[in-house]
Protein backbone atom coordinates (compact mmCIF):
# COMPACT_ATOMS: atom_id res chain seq x y z
CA UNK A 1 0.39 -0.10 -0.10
CA UNK A 2 2.74 2.62 0.95
CA UNK A 3 3.95 1.40 -2.72
CA UNK A 4 1.32 2.54 -4.22
CA UNK A 5 1.30 5.60 -2.71
CA UNK A 6 4.52 6.89 -2.94
CA UNK A 7 4.11 6.07 -6.79
CA UNK A 8 1.14 8.44 -6.39
CA UNK A 9 2.17 10.80 -5.16
CA UNK A 10 5.07 10.69 -7.02
CA UNK A 11 3.07 11.41 -10.67
CA UNK A 12 1.00 14.27 -9.47
CA UNK A 13 4.65 16.00 -8.58
CA UNK A 14 5.76 14.78 -12.09
CA UNK A 15 2.59 16.42 -13.49
CA UNK A 16 2.39 19.58 -10.74
CA UNK A 17 6.00 19.70 -12.74
CA UNK A 18 5.40 19.51 -16.12
CA UNK A 19 2.61 22.08 -15.25
CA UNK A 20 5.11 24.87 -14.25
CA UNK A 21 7.56 24.60 -16.72
CA UNK A 22 4.92 24.48 -19.74
CA UNK A 23 3.83 28.21 -17.67
CA UNK A 24 7.64 29.35 -16.89
CA UNK A 25 8.34 28.46 -20.68
CA UNK A 26 4.63 30.30 -22.23
CA UNK A 27 4.82 33.10 -19.89
CA UNK A 28 8.63 33.88 -21.01
CA UNK A 29 6.77 33.74 -24.67
CA UNK A 30 6.22 36.46 -27.14
CA UNK A 31 2.50 37.04 -26.72
CA UNK A 32 2.13 38.10 -30.29
CA UNK A 33 2.93 36.20 -33.13
CA UNK A 34 2.31 36.62 -37.68
CA UNK A 35 2.12 33.38 -39.41
CA UNK A 36 1.99 33.10 -43.06
CA UNK A 37 1.30 30.54 -45.89
CA UNK A 38 0.12 30.43 -49.79
CA UNK A 39 -1.51 27.54 -50.92
CA UNK A 40 -1.44 27.70 -55.08
CA UNK A 41 -4.61 26.78 -57.15
CA UNK A 42 -5.70 26.14 -60.35
CA UNK A 43 -8.92 28.33 -60.50
CA UNK A 44 -9.14 31.94 -60.85
CA UNK A 45 -9.06 34.80 -58.38
CA UNK A 46 -13.10 35.30 -58.99
CA UNK A 47 -13.07 32.02 -58.35
CA UNK A 48 -11.92 31.36 -54.83
CA UNK A 49 -12.24 35.17 -53.63
CA UNK A 50 -16.50 33.35 -54.20
CA UNK A 51 -15.38 30.26 -52.10
CA UNK A 52 -13.58 32.24 -49.06
CA UNK A 53 -15.82 35.81 -48.92
CA UNK A 54 -19.35 33.05 -48.85
CA UNK A 55 -18.43 32.36 -45.22
CA UNK A 56 -21.99 31.20 -44.44
CA UNK A 57 -21.27 28.66 -46.98
CA UNK A 58 -18.13 27.22 -45.54
CA UNK A 59 -19.63 24.24 -43.29
CA UNK A 60 -19.86 22.93 -46.49
CA UNK A 61 -15.58 22.54 -47.75
CA UNK A 62 -14.42 22.67 -44.37
CA UNK A 63 -13.64 20.51 -42.13
CA UNK A 64 -13.81 22.23 -38.95
CA UNK A 65 -16.76 23.46 -38.72
CA UNK A 66 -20.65 22.28 -37.74
CA UNK A 67 -22.04 26.39 -39.46
CA UNK A 68 -21.85 29.61 -39.40
CA UNK A 69 -23.96 32.38 -38.27
CA UNK A 70 -23.96 36.24 -40.55
CA UNK A 71 -24.89 38.86 -38.69
CA UNK A 72 -24.56 42.62 -40.13
CA UNK A 73 -24.09 45.33 -38.24
CA UNK A 74 -25.56 48.67 -38.02
CA UNK A 75 -22.22 50.54 -39.41
CA UNK A 76 -22.62 48.54 -41.99
CA UNK A 77 -20.02 45.89 -40.86
CA UNK A 78 -20.51 41.44 -41.03
CA UNK A 79 -20.13 40.26 -38.42
CA UNK A 80 -20.04 36.15 -38.70
CA UNK A 81 -19.92 33.38 -35.99
CA UNK A 82 -18.15 30.36 -36.33
CA UNK A 83 -19.00 26.87 -34.68
CA UNK A 84 -17.08 24.29 -34.60
CA UNK A 85 -15.05 21.54 -33.68
CA UNK A 86 -12.55 24.39 -30.88
CA UNK A 87 -15.51 25.95 -29.99
CA UNK A 88 -17.50 28.85 -30.85
CA UNK A 89 -15.40 32.96 -31.89
CA UNK A 90 -17.33 35.96 -32.83
CA UNK A 91 -15.17 37.81 -36.42
CA UNK A 92 -15.79 40.71 -38.10
CA UNK A 93 -14.59 42.08 -41.91
CA UNK A 94 -12.50 44.93 -41.43
CA UNK A 95 -12.45 44.83 -45.10
CA UNK A 96 -13.70 43.70 -48.49
CA UNK A 97 -11.27 43.86 -51.63
CA UNK A 98 -13.09 42.01 -54.31
CA UNK A 99 -10.34 38.85 -55.68
CA UNK A 100 -7.77 41.02 -53.52
CA UNK A 101 -7.66 41.49 -49.90
CA UNK A 102 -10.14 40.16 -47.17
CA UNK A 103 -9.02 40.96 -43.30
CA UNK A 104 -11.24 38.95 -40.40
CA UNK A 105 -10.45 40.00 -36.87
CA UNK A 106 -11.41 37.67 -33.94
CA UNK A 107 -14.80 40.16 -32.26
CA UNK A 108 -13.67 37.71 -28.20
CA UNK A 109 -11.76 38.78 -25.88
CA UNK A 110 -11.95 35.85 -23.96
CA UNK A 111 -10.90 33.38 -26.02
CA UNK A 112 -7.12 32.71 -24.77
CA UNK A 113 -5.93 33.92 -28.85
CA UNK A 114 -6.75 37.18 -30.61
CA UNK A 115 -6.02 38.11 -33.92
CA UNK A 116 -6.93 38.94 -37.19
CA UNK A 117 -6.55 37.28 -40.59
CA UNK A 118 -5.76 38.70 -43.59
CA UNK A 119 -6.67 36.97 -47.19
CA UNK A 120 -4.13 38.10 -50.55
CA UNK A 121 -5.77 37.05 -53.87
CA UNK A 122 -3.16 36.72 -56.77
CA UNK A 123 -3.23 36.21 -59.55
CA UNK A 124 -0.18 33.17 -60.75
CA UNK A 125 -0.43 31.30 -63.62
CA UNK A 126 -3.34 30.35 -64.71
CA UNK A 127 -4.27 29.94 -61.34
CA UNK A 128 -4.52 32.21 -58.26
CA UNK A 129 -1.97 31.54 -55.43
CA UNK A 130 -4.56 32.27 -51.70
CA UNK A 131 -1.67 33.80 -48.50
CA UNK A 132 -2.83 33.58 -45.06
CA UNK A 133 -1.00 35.60 -42.23
CA UNK A 134 -2.63 35.85 -38.51
CA UNK A 135 -1.38 38.57 -36.69
CA UNK A 136 -2.38 36.80 -33.51
CA UNK A 137 -1.39 37.60 -29.88
CA UNK A 138 -1.78 34.32 -27.45
CA UNK A 139 -2.71 35.63 -23.90
CA UNK A 140 -2.61 32.47 -22.40
CA UNK A 141 0.64 30.80 -20.96
CA UNK A 142 -0.49 27.25 -21.57
CA UNK A 143 -1.93 28.17 -25.03
CA UNK A 144 0.96 30.11 -25.38
CA UNK A 145 3.00 27.25 -24.92
CA UNK A 146 1.17 24.90 -27.35
CA UNK A 147 1.19 27.11 -30.21
CA UNK A 148 4.71 26.93 -30.30
CA UNK A 149 5.80 23.64 -29.76
CA UNK A 150 3.16 21.04 -29.93
CA UNK A 151 0.70 22.16 -32.92
CA UNK A 152 2.86 25.20 -34.39
CA UNK A 153 0.76 28.73 -35.22
CA UNK A 154 0.43 27.59 -38.49
CA UNK A 155 -2.05 24.90 -37.81
CA UNK A 156 -5.48 26.00 -38.81
CA UNK A 157 -4.19 28.36 -41.23
CA UNK A 158 -2.41 24.74 -43.06
CA UNK A 159 -6.59 22.80 -42.45
CA UNK A 160 -8.36 26.01 -43.33
CA UNK A 161 -5.61 25.77 -46.03
CA UNK A 162 -6.31 22.42 -47.33
CA UNK A 163 -9.86 22.63 -46.89
CA UNK A 164 -10.05 25.08 -49.90
CA UNK A 165 -7.71 22.88 -52.12
CA UNK A 166 -9.98 19.87 -51.33
CA UNK A 167 -13.68 21.94 -52.46
CA UNK A 168 -12.01 22.41 -55.72
CA UNK A 169 -10.90 19.05 -56.16
CA UNK A 170 -7.32 19.07 -55.60
CA UNK A 171 -4.78 17.77 -53.61
CA UNK A 172 -2.40 21.13 -53.64
CA UNK A 173 -0.13 21.42 -49.63
CA UNK A 174 0.41 24.61 -48.25
CA UNK A 175 3.65 26.11 -47.88
């Protein structure tokens, strides 16, 4: 019985030490980051922009989304709520230059992360290069550690771009 108690106490102590190390390392990392990825698709800028800009249809091709609710605002800006595998996030469409550039910004302040995505659409040969740049802030030190060392700052961008390529029947990979 004593051996089991010693093992249990040791495991709890190791867990506490591991969490403390993660918190310590996370607190030394910068809150802000910039991450950028792109993909080349064999579609026109109009086709790609049209799919990306149609937020309400995104659940039909994005593997990480269940539903999107559009909420037009009185100031003319579009707000939308995404319900996905990582919970619910509210966004604002900050900038919309058709077939050139979109900027969306997270409105929520209690997620442990925030920021914006800039989508750029550039003609490349007969196709289009879509580039997403994330200007993010990770306020939660544990999530900051995990986003840096476990899944990376580009994981969500990569999932988005891979889903976009699949929507067009392509197997392009983010770079």
